[in-house]
Protein backbone atom coordinates (compact mmCIF):
# COMPACT_ATOMS: atom_id res chain seq x y z
CA MET A 1 -3.31 -1.55 5.08
CA THR A 2 -2.04 -2.39 1.49
CA ARG A 3 -4.18 -5.01 -0.63
CA GLU A 4 -1.60 -7.90 -0.27
CA ALA A 5 -1.45 -7.40 3.93
CA VAL A 6 -5.16 -7.66 3.78
CA VAL A 7 -4.98 -10.82 1.22
CA GLU A 8 -2.66 -12.29 3.92
CA TRP A 9 -4.18 -12.16 6.79
CA ALA A 10 -7.81 -13.26 5.51
CA ARG A 11 -5.49 -16.14 4.34
CA MET A 12 -4.60 -16.78 8.16
CA MET A 13 -8.03 -16.26 9.16
CA SER A 14 -9.81 -18.49 6.68
CA ARG A 15 -8.20 -21.65 8.47
CA PRO A 16 -10.32 -23.29 11.34
CA SER A 17 -9.25 -20.57 14.00
CA GLY A 18 -10.52 -17.80 11.66
CA LEU A 19 -13.83 -18.91 12.05
CA ASP A 20 -13.39 -19.19 16.02
CA ALA A 21 -12.58 -15.60 15.82
CA MET A 22 -15.36 -14.41 14.15
CA ARG A 23 -17.55 -16.41 16.68
CA ALA A 24 -16.21 -14.08 19.06
CA PHE A 25 -17.03 -10.79 16.88
CA PHE A 26 -17.07 -7.64 19.14
CA PRO A 27 -18.93 -4.52 17.84
CA VAL A 28 -17.60 -3.15 15.26
CA PHE A 29 -15.38 -0.32 16.81
CA VAL A 30 -13.84 -2.29 19.47
CA LEU A 31 -11.33 -3.63 17.16
CA ALA A 32 -10.32 0.03 15.76
CA ALA A 33 -9.82 1.13 19.06
CA ALA A 34 -7.91 4.32 19.32
CA ILE A 35 -4.17 4.01 20.52
CA GLY A 36 -2.50 6.84 19.59
CA ALA A 37 -1.65 10.48 21.71
CA ALA A 38 -4.27 12.94 22.63
CA LEU A 39 -4.64 16.40 22.04
CA PRO A 40 -4.41 18.91 24.85
CA ALA A 41 -7.36 18.92 26.32
CA THR A 42 -9.49 22.48 25.50
CA ALA A 43 -12.95 23.45 26.35
CA THR A 44 -13.83 22.24 22.41
CA THR A 45 -12.70 18.31 22.94
CA VAL A 46 -14.93 14.91 21.99
CA SER A 47 -13.80 11.65 22.18
CA LEU A 48 -13.47 10.23 18.97
CA ASN A 49 -14.08 6.36 20.37
CA GLU A 50 -17.57 7.71 21.45
CA ARG A 51 -18.45 9.65 18.23
CA LEU A 52 -17.57 6.42 16.17
CA LYS A 53 -19.76 4.28 18.61
CA SER A 54 -22.55 6.22 18.23
CA ALA A 55 -22.49 7.65 14.52
CA SER A 56 -25.18 5.96 12.17
CA ARG A 57 -22.86 6.60 8.88
CA VAL A 58 -18.81 6.55 9.06
CA GLU A 59 -17.21 6.52 5.97
CA VAL A 60 -13.29 5.62 5.20
CA ASN A 61 -11.57 6.69 1.69
CA GLN A 62 -7.92 5.36 1.52
CA VAL A 63 -6.35 6.81 -1.09
CA PRO A 64 -3.03 5.47 -1.90
CA THR A 65 -0.07 7.37 -4.27
CA SER A 66 -1.30 4.93 -7.36
CA GLY A 67 -4.17 3.06 -8.12
CA ALA A 68 -7.87 3.37 -7.44
CA SER A 69 -9.03 4.34 -4.13
CA LEU A 70 -10.84 1.94 -1.53
CA ILE A 71 -13.95 3.10 0.02
CA GLY A 72 -15.97 1.47 3.23
CA ARG A 73 -18.50 2.37 5.55
CA VAL A 74 -20.22 1.15 8.59
CA GLN A 75 -23.98 1.76 9.04
CA GLN A 76 -25.21 1.47 12.84
CA PHE A 77 -28.39 1.02 14.05
CA HIS A 78 -30.39 2.17 16.97
CA ASN A 79 -31.23 -1.39 17.24
CA GLY A 80 -27.77 -2.65 17.76
CA ASP A 81 -27.91 -3.83 13.87
CA SER A 82 -24.58 -2.65 11.64
CA LEU A 83 -23.66 -3.61 8.45
CA ILE A 84 -19.87 -3.03 6.88
CA SER A 85 -19.53 -2.38 3.44
CA LEU A 86 -16.95 -1.86 0.59
CA GLY A 87 -16.57 -0.06 -2.44
CA GLU A 88 -18.40 3.28 -4.54
CA GLY A 89 -21.67 4.44 -4.03
CA GLU A 90 -23.42 2.01 -1.57
CA GLY A 91 -20.74 -0.44 -2.07
CA GLN A 92 -21.41 -4.25 -1.68
CA PRO A 93 -22.69 -5.48 1.93
CA VAL A 94 -19.57 -7.67 3.72
CA VAL A 95 -20.36 -8.41 7.37
CA LEU A 96 -23.59 -7.57 8.95
CA THR A 97 -24.20 -8.14 12.97
CA LEU A 98 -28.06 -8.39 14.15
CA CYS A 99 -28.75 -6.53 17.60
CA SER A 100 -25.11 -6.79 18.63
CA GLY A 101 -24.70 -10.68 18.10
CA LYS A 102 -23.28 -12.98 15.89
CA ALA A 103 -21.31 -11.96 12.38
CA HIS A 104 -22.91 -12.94 9.23
CA LEU A 105 -20.44 -12.92 6.03
CA ASN A 106 -21.68 -12.03 2.65
CA LEU A 107 -19.21 -14.92 0.49
CA GLU A 108 -20.46 -13.80 -2.59
CA ALA A 109 -18.98 -10.09 -2.29
CA SER A 110 -15.94 -8.99 -4.22
CA TRP A 111 -14.30 -6.07 -5.34
CA PRO A 112 -12.28 -5.21 -8.28
CA GLY A 113 -8.74 -6.80 -8.60
CA ALA A 114 -9.83 -9.35 -5.54
CA PRO A 115 -8.52 -12.75 -6.01
CA ALA A 116 -10.93 -15.23 -7.41
CA ALA A 117 -12.62 -17.47 -5.08
CA LYS A 118 -14.46 -20.59 -6.15
CA THR A 119 -14.72 -22.32 -2.95
CA ALA A 120 -16.49 -21.42 -0.11
CA GLU A 121 -13.15 -21.68 1.69
CA GLU A 122 -11.93 -18.87 -0.45
CA LYS A 123 -15.15 -16.76 -0.53
CA GLN A 124 -14.87 -16.48 2.87
CA MET A 125 -11.11 -15.90 2.90
CA ARG A 126 -11.95 -12.99 0.60
CA ALA A 127 -14.95 -11.57 3.12
CA TYR A 128 -12.38 -11.07 5.62
CA GLY A 129 -10.01 -9.60 3.54
CA MET A 130 -12.97 -7.07 2.74
CA TYR A 131 -13.50 -6.51 6.18
CA MET A 132 -10.21 -5.93 7.14
CA ALA A 133 -9.42 -3.48 4.77
CA VAL A 134 -12.11 -1.18 5.96
CA MET A 135 -11.45 -1.55 9.56
CA GLY A 136 -7.92 -1.65 8.95
CA GLY A 137 -7.81 1.52 7.86
CA MET A 138 -10.40 3.19 10.34
CA ALA A 139 -7.63 1.80 13.05
CA MET A 140 -5.07 3.71 11.46
CA VAL A 141 -6.53 6.86 11.30
CA GLN A 142 -7.62 6.50 14.91
CA GLY A 143 -4.56 5.61 15.98
CA LEU A 144 -2.80 8.62 14.05
CA ALA A 145 -5.81 11.04 15.74
CA GLY A 146 -5.98 9.80 19.06
CA ASP A 147 -9.33 9.71 20.86
CA THR A 148 -9.73 13.11 22.06
CA LEU A 149 -10.21 15.90 19.13
CA GLU A 150 -10.00 19.62 19.67
CA LEU A 151 -12.99 20.73 17.51
CA PRO A 152 -12.67 23.31 14.91
CA ALA A 153 -15.98 25.22 14.23
CA ASP A 154 -17.91 24.57 11.54
CA GLY A 155 -16.40 24.79 7.94
CA GLN A 156 -12.81 25.27 9.49
CA ALA A 157 -10.21 22.94 9.54
CA ALA A 158 -7.29 22.39 12.44
CA THR A 159 -4.12 20.38 11.52
CA VAL A 160 -1.48 18.48 14.06
CA GLN A 161 1.73 16.59 13.24
CA ARG A 162 1.78 12.60 14.07
CA GLU A 163 4.68 10.13 13.82
CA THR A 164 4.84 6.55 14.40
CA SER A 165 7.55 4.17 15.18
CA TRP A 166 9.27 1.63 12.55
CA ALA A 167 12.21 -0.85 12.72
CA TYR A 168 14.71 2.29 11.72
CA GLY A 169 12.79 5.51 12.72
CA LYS A 170 9.93 7.49 12.08
CA GLU A 171 6.81 7.25 9.81
CA GLN A 172 5.49 10.79 9.41
CA TYR A 173 1.72 12.11 9.14
CA ALA A 174 0.04 15.41 8.86
CA VAL A 175 -3.84 14.87 11.10
CA THR A 176 -6.68 17.26 9.68
CA VAL A 177 -9.63 17.51 11.46
CA THR A 178 -12.85 19.59 10.20
CA GLY A 179 -15.96 20.34 11.28
CA GLY A 180 -18.54 20.07 8.81
CA ALA A 181 -22.33 21.76 8.59
CA GLY A 182 -24.51 19.76 10.57
CA GLY A 183 -21.87 18.02 13.36
CA GLU A 184 -20.19 16.08 10.75
CA LEU A 185 -17.11 15.33 11.13
CA ARG A 186 -13.71 14.89 8.96
CA ILE A 187 -10.33 13.49 10.01
CA LYS A 188 -8.23 13.06 7.29
CA ALA A 189 -4.33 11.98 7.93
CA VAL A 190 -1.58 12.09 5.44
CA LYS A 191 1.67 10.76 5.37
CA THR A 192 4.15 13.40 4.66
CA ALA A 193 7.86 11.29 5.46
CA ASN A 194 10.01 8.80 5.85
CA THR A 195 12.79 9.67 8.78
CA THR A 196 15.67 6.89 9.74
CA LYS A 197 18.06 7.63 12.80
CA THR A 198 19.31 4.77 12.91
CA PRO A 199 23.26 5.34 11.94
CA ARG A 200 24.21 3.37 8.81
CA SER A 201 25.86 -0.60 9.70
CA GLY A 202 29.76 -1.23 10.69
CA PRO A 203 31.32 -4.56 9.59
CA ASP A 204 30.49 -6.63 12.51
CA ASP A 205 26.64 -5.84 12.71
CA PHE A 206 24.25 -8.50 11.89
CA VAL A 207 20.79 -7.47 12.51
CA SER A 208 20.84 -3.84 11.96
CA THR A 209 21.98 -4.41 8.77
CA ASP A 210 22.07 -1.69 5.63
CA GLY A 211 20.48 -4.60 3.49
CA ASP A 212 17.42 -4.56 6.58
CA LYS A 213 17.04 -1.42 6.48
CA ALA A 214 16.38 -0.59 2.60
CA ALA A 215 14.18 -4.16 3.21
CA ARG A 216 12.03 -2.28 6.13
CA LEU A 217 11.99 1.00 4.18
CA ALA A 218 10.27 -1.04 1.38
CA GLU A 219 7.62 -2.01 3.17
CA LEU A 220 6.12 1.00 4.30
CA GLU A 221 3.43 2.35 2.70
CA PRO A 222 4.76 5.61 0.26
CA VAL A 223 4.58 9.31 1.50
CA GLY A 224 1.43 10.91 0.24
CA THR A 225 -0.92 7.96 1.08
CA SER A 226 -4.06 9.56 2.81
CA ARG A 227 -6.77 8.01 4.74
CA GLU A 228 -10.01 9.91 5.78
CA LEU A 229 -12.88 9.06 8.07
CA VAL A 230 -16.46 11.09 7.51
CA ILE A 231 -18.35 10.72 10.84
CA SER A 232 -22.05 11.74 10.28
CA SER A 233 -24.26 13.22 12.50
CA ALA A 234 -27.27 12.10 11.76
CA PRO A 235 -29.86 10.21 14.17
CA MET A 236 -29.24 6.14 13.88
CA ALA A 237 -32.14 4.37 11.60
CA ALA A 238 -34.25 1.67 13.67
CA GLY A 239 -32.57 -1.34 12.48
CA ILE A 240 -31.82 -3.26 9.22
CA PRO A 241 -34.99 -4.03 7.22
CA ASP A 242 -36.37 -7.81 7.94
CA ALA A 243 -36.82 -8.23 4.02
CA MET A 244 -33.14 -7.54 3.27
CA SER A 245 -31.71 -11.05 1.64
CA LEU A 246 -29.21 -12.87 3.08
CA ALA A 247 -28.76 -15.60 0.11
CA GLY A 248 -25.09 -16.43 -0.45
CA TRP A 249 -24.34 -15.27 3.47
CA LEU A 250 -22.64 -17.41 6.36
CA SER A 251 -23.84 -16.79 9.73
CA ALA A 252 -20.85 -17.46 12.38
CA SER A 253 -23.18 -18.99 14.63
CA GLY A 254 -24.80 -21.38 11.59
CA LYS A 255 -28.29 -20.19 12.55
CA GLY A 256 -28.33 -18.04 9.18
CA GLY A 257 -31.84 -17.62 7.38
CA ALA A 258 -33.13 -16.07 3.87
CA THR A 259 -33.62 -13.08 5.02
CA VAL A 260 -32.76 -10.97 7.81
CA GLY A 261 -35.88 -11.58 9.56
CA GLU A 262 -35.57 -15.20 9.21
CA ALA A 263 -32.09 -14.63 10.52
CA ARG A 264 -32.73 -12.47 13.48
CA THR A 265 -35.63 -15.39 14.71
CA ALA A 266 -32.69 -18.04 13.97
CA SER A 267 -30.09 -16.50 15.82
CA GLY A 268 -31.78 -15.15 18.95
CA ASP A 269 -29.77 -12.37 18.99
CA CYS A 270 -32.56 -10.22 19.18
CA ALA A 271 -34.48 -11.99 21.65
CA ARG A 272 -31.75 -11.32 24.64
């Protein structure tokens, strides 16, 4: 997902219906469900979706063919808390859910090159864009890898070829699964080629024209773009500390607080 696409999606979500979508916020990985074909089943397979749901930390590193990479992460906690952040190091927190409840958006979060945001609506749009930059990247890797993964031995890697359709052909990817020490799992998807199978257009074509094909091809991300998921095997912590400040955050329920502890009490999400 390009930053331009993220901003455009965020602009759409910043309308009144966007806040309604936020109020209907589901657990983190429901929005990024795997859609690709599965690898052949063997005695050493794992459900990627289940691994993501049970992971204490998932990181996605998106590397374009030019420019800076975009690193996002999702932290999940035993009590149902989750925190999505974007940027180098620990990054900036963007979206928080408490006890699998409603979302809270950090309106002060930003990233290098992000559009300036002065009004509350602009800040909300920017936060949505950051959220989608993380979740969109994760969903793309999931879709290419499929839900059923064949696990290599620790320190070993296995690569399969995947493809997706575009208007006039296929996008091809190499998907590499690496087993890390202690059960860590790495899944890297690298775009390797674009193919065009549709014959050149004739003089009577009005839709599948050479110009349309060229325009659609230009919209595809460049060959060489890569994304990598790093899925931790460490146990989940109990929950986000109650003392964490929520100054500058927006609660989808309208029942926030100055701290996580106050938001837990006000929202009622943790008392269900």
